[in-house]
Amino acid sequence: MSNFLLILSSLACQKLPTSNYQNTPSESSNKAHAEMFSKNGSKISGMVHFKENKEGLIVHYQINGFKKGKSYGFHIHENGDCSAQDAKSAGKHYMPIAPTGGTSLDSSQKHGGDLPQIEATHDGMNEGSFIVKEISLKEKNPILYKSIIIHDGPDNIKKKSAPKIACGVITETI
């Protein structure tokens, strides 16, 4: 039994490798994630990871179920609630910066939660990353415990947003 405890004790003291999106105790306040669940009968699912650094908020997504060549709106919404089948419980686009918005293009009319839209480069799984400076997890225009939505179509500031096809609540990664 004492040999087992000695081995267990030595393993506990070793530093284990971590990926870019796993937490170490000293970094627990600068990372978050959202598991994306399908809505409105879609087959979209996946994960979105968030990590703050001195350059801004890094957003990394791994989403499955896309159709090649299609554009998808990608936004933070005001409520951290994905309970409705149509994801309307997530509320409107998160907009602490501009009174109008709904575009992934950089403009003065952009909402704080307007993220670059996703361009599906192939059927199925798509992965990508980008940095945003207008929002943060807890400080400037905080998004922690809000929702992230994928819309079934591209952004168009002149039209109502396409239906919500995936939703996830942004939670702190511990």
Protein backbone atom coordinates (compact mmCIF):
# COMPACT_ATOMS: atom_id res chain seq x y z
CA MET A 1 0.00 0.00 0.00
CA SER A 2 2.81 2.44 0.82
CA ASN A 3 4.38 1.87 -2.64
CA PHE A 4 1.04 2.74 -4.25
CA LEU A 5 0.80 5.97 -2.25
CA LEU A 6 4.39 6.88 -3.12
CA ILE A 7 3.71 6.39 -6.85
CA LEU A 8 0.45 8.30 -6.62
CA SER A 9 2.18 11.12 -4.75
CA SER A 10 4.96 11.39 -7.35
CA LEU A 11 2.44 11.47 -10.22
CA ALA A 12 0.49 14.23 -8.52
CA CYS A 13 3.61 16.41 -8.41
CA GLN A 14 4.42 16.08 -12.11
CA LYS A 15 3.38 18.81 -14.48
CA LEU A 16 1.21 17.28 -17.18
CA PRO A 17 1.10 18.73 -20.71
CA THR A 18 -1.91 20.90 -21.55
CA SER A 19 -3.34 22.07 -24.84
CA ASN A 20 -4.00 25.72 -25.66
CA TYR A 21 -7.58 25.49 -24.40
CA GLN A 22 -7.22 23.50 -21.18
CA ASN A 23 -6.88 25.34 -17.92
CA THR A 24 -4.10 25.41 -15.44
CA PRO A 25 -5.01 26.79 -12.01
CA SER A 26 -3.35 30.16 -12.66
CA GLU A 27 -5.28 30.68 -15.91
CA SER A 28 -8.77 29.61 -14.86
CA SER A 29 -10.25 33.10 -15.20
CA ASN A 30 -9.26 33.71 -18.82
CA LYS A 31 -10.85 30.70 -20.58
CA ALA A 32 -14.38 29.65 -21.41
CA HIS A 33 -16.23 27.31 -23.72
CA ALA A 34 -19.66 26.63 -25.17
CA GLU A 35 -20.96 23.28 -26.29
CA MET A 36 -23.10 23.86 -29.36
CA PHE A 37 -26.42 22.01 -29.59
CA SER A 38 -28.59 21.73 -32.69
CA LYS A 39 -31.74 23.83 -32.92
CA ASN A 40 -34.64 24.08 -35.38
CA GLY A 41 -34.08 20.50 -36.59
CA SER A 42 -30.49 21.11 -37.76
CA LYS A 43 -27.63 18.65 -37.38
CA ILE A 44 -25.12 21.31 -36.32
CA SER A 45 -23.08 20.58 -33.17
CA GLY A 46 -19.64 21.19 -31.77
CA MET A 47 -17.53 23.28 -29.41
CA VAL A 48 -16.41 26.88 -29.22
CA HIS A 49 -13.47 27.79 -26.99
CA PHE A 50 -12.57 31.28 -25.77
CA LYS A 51 -9.21 32.43 -24.39
CA GLU A 52 -8.21 35.96 -23.45
CA ASN A 53 -4.72 37.28 -23.97
CA LYS A 54 -3.11 40.70 -24.43
CA GLU A 55 -4.24 40.85 -28.08
CA GLY A 56 -7.93 40.23 -27.38
CA LEU A 57 -10.34 37.33 -27.12
CA ILE A 58 -9.33 34.29 -29.18
CA VAL A 59 -12.36 32.38 -30.44
CA HIS A 60 -11.71 28.85 -31.71
CA TYR A 61 -14.55 26.75 -33.10
CA GLN A 62 -14.92 23.10 -34.11
CA ILE A 63 -18.37 22.69 -35.64
CA ASN A 64 -19.84 19.65 -37.38
CA GLY A 65 -22.75 19.52 -39.81
CA PHE A 66 -21.97 22.38 -42.20
CA LYS A 67 -22.62 22.35 -45.94
CA LYS A 68 -19.64 23.19 -48.14
CA GLY A 69 -19.70 26.65 -49.67
CA LYS A 70 -22.35 28.03 -47.32
CA SER A 71 -21.91 31.03 -44.99
CA TYR A 72 -23.27 31.00 -41.45
CA GLY A 73 -23.89 33.96 -39.15
CA PHE A 74 -22.06 33.61 -35.83
CA HIS A 75 -23.08 35.84 -32.91
CA ILE A 76 -23.13 36.30 -29.16
CA HIS A 77 -26.71 36.74 -27.91
CA GLU A 78 -27.84 38.57 -24.78
CA ASN A 79 -29.22 35.65 -22.72
CA GLY A 80 -27.38 32.56 -21.60
CA ASP A 81 -30.39 30.38 -22.34
CA CYS A 82 -30.63 27.78 -25.11
CA SER A 83 -33.69 25.97 -23.74
CA ALA A 84 -36.10 26.81 -26.57
CA GLN A 85 -36.09 24.45 -29.58
CA ASP A 86 -35.82 27.50 -31.88
CA ALA A 87 -33.22 29.13 -29.57
CA LYS A 88 -35.31 32.29 -29.20
CA SER A 89 -34.65 31.99 -25.47
CA ALA A 90 -31.12 33.26 -26.27
CA GLY A 91 -32.62 36.70 -26.96
CA LYS A 92 -31.31 39.30 -29.35
CA HIS A 93 -27.77 39.93 -30.52
CA TYR A 94 -25.55 41.14 -27.69
CA MET A 95 -25.09 44.83 -28.48
CA PRO A 96 -23.31 46.97 -25.93
CA ILE A 97 -21.37 48.91 -28.59
CA ALA A 98 -23.65 50.02 -31.43
CA PRO A 99 -27.44 50.44 -31.47
CA THR A 100 -27.79 48.60 -34.78
CA GLY A 101 -25.78 45.73 -36.13
CA GLY A 102 -26.15 42.18 -37.35
CA THR A 103 -23.07 42.11 -39.54
CA SER A 104 -19.77 40.31 -39.43
CA LEU A 105 -18.15 43.19 -41.30
CA ASP A 106 -16.13 45.72 -39.35
CA SER A 107 -18.23 48.87 -39.15
CA SER A 108 -19.47 51.43 -36.67
CA GLN A 109 -22.85 49.68 -36.86
CA LYS A 110 -21.47 46.38 -35.59
CA HIS A 111 -22.89 44.87 -32.39
CA GLY A 112 -20.40 43.81 -29.76
CA GLY A 113 -21.52 40.21 -30.29
CA ASP A 114 -21.20 40.23 -34.08
CA LEU A 115 -18.47 37.73 -34.85
CA PRO A 116 -16.92 36.91 -38.22
CA GLN A 117 -19.29 34.64 -40.09
CA ILE A 118 -18.27 31.05 -40.70
CA GLU A 119 -17.49 30.10 -44.28
CA ALA A 120 -17.86 26.32 -44.59
CA THR A 121 -14.89 25.12 -46.63
CA HIS A 122 -16.17 21.55 -46.79
CA ASP A 123 -19.09 19.35 -45.76
CA GLY A 124 -19.14 18.20 -42.15
CA MET A 125 -16.52 19.41 -39.68
CA ASN A 126 -15.12 22.93 -39.99
CA GLU A 127 -12.60 24.47 -37.65
CA GLY A 128 -11.25 27.98 -37.34
CA SER A 129 -10.01 30.74 -35.05
CA PHE A 130 -10.08 34.51 -34.91
CA ILE A 131 -9.42 37.31 -32.42
CA VAL A 132 -11.97 39.93 -31.39
CA LYS A 133 -11.22 43.08 -29.40
CA GLU A 134 -14.70 44.51 -28.75
CA ILE A 135 -15.68 41.90 -26.14
CA SER A 136 -14.11 39.98 -23.26
CA LEU A 137 -15.08 37.21 -20.89
CA LYS A 138 -15.55 39.32 -17.75
CA GLU A 139 -14.31 42.89 -18.23
CA LYS A 140 -15.07 45.07 -21.27
CA ASN A 141 -18.44 44.04 -22.75
CA PRO A 142 -18.46 40.68 -20.92
CA ILE A 143 -19.86 37.60 -22.66
CA LEU A 144 -19.50 34.98 -19.92
CA TYR A 145 -22.86 33.22 -19.34
CA LYS A 146 -24.35 34.63 -22.53
CA SER A 147 -25.16 32.41 -25.52
CA ILE A 148 -23.42 31.92 -28.83
CA ILE A 149 -25.56 31.24 -31.89
CA ILE A 150 -25.00 29.92 -35.39
CA HIS A 151 -27.53 31.20 -37.93
CA ASP A 152 -28.58 29.25 -41.03
CA GLY A 153 -27.31 31.80 -43.51
CA PRO A 154 -24.94 34.70 -43.99
CA ASP A 155 -25.12 38.05 -42.22
CA ASN A 156 -27.13 40.72 -43.98
CA ILE A 157 -27.64 44.00 -42.11
CA LYS A 158 -30.65 44.83 -44.33
CA LYS A 159 -32.55 41.62 -43.51
CA LYS A 160 -33.72 39.80 -40.42
CA SER A 161 -31.20 37.18 -39.23
CA ALA A 162 -31.57 33.66 -40.60
CA PRO A 163 -33.02 31.02 -38.24
CA LYS A 164 -30.88 29.91 -35.31
CA ILE A 165 -29.55 26.40 -35.99
CA ALA A 166 -27.16 25.90 -33.04
CA CYS A 167 -26.87 27.39 -29.56
CA GLY A 168 -24.45 27.09 -26.65
CA VAL A 169 -24.06 28.88 -23.32
CA ILE A 170 -20.62 30.38 -22.67
CA THR A 171 -19.31 29.03 -19.38
CA GLU A 172 -16.01 29.46 -17.64
CA THR A 173 -13.54 26.62 -18.13
CA ILE A 174 -12.12 25.54 -14.80
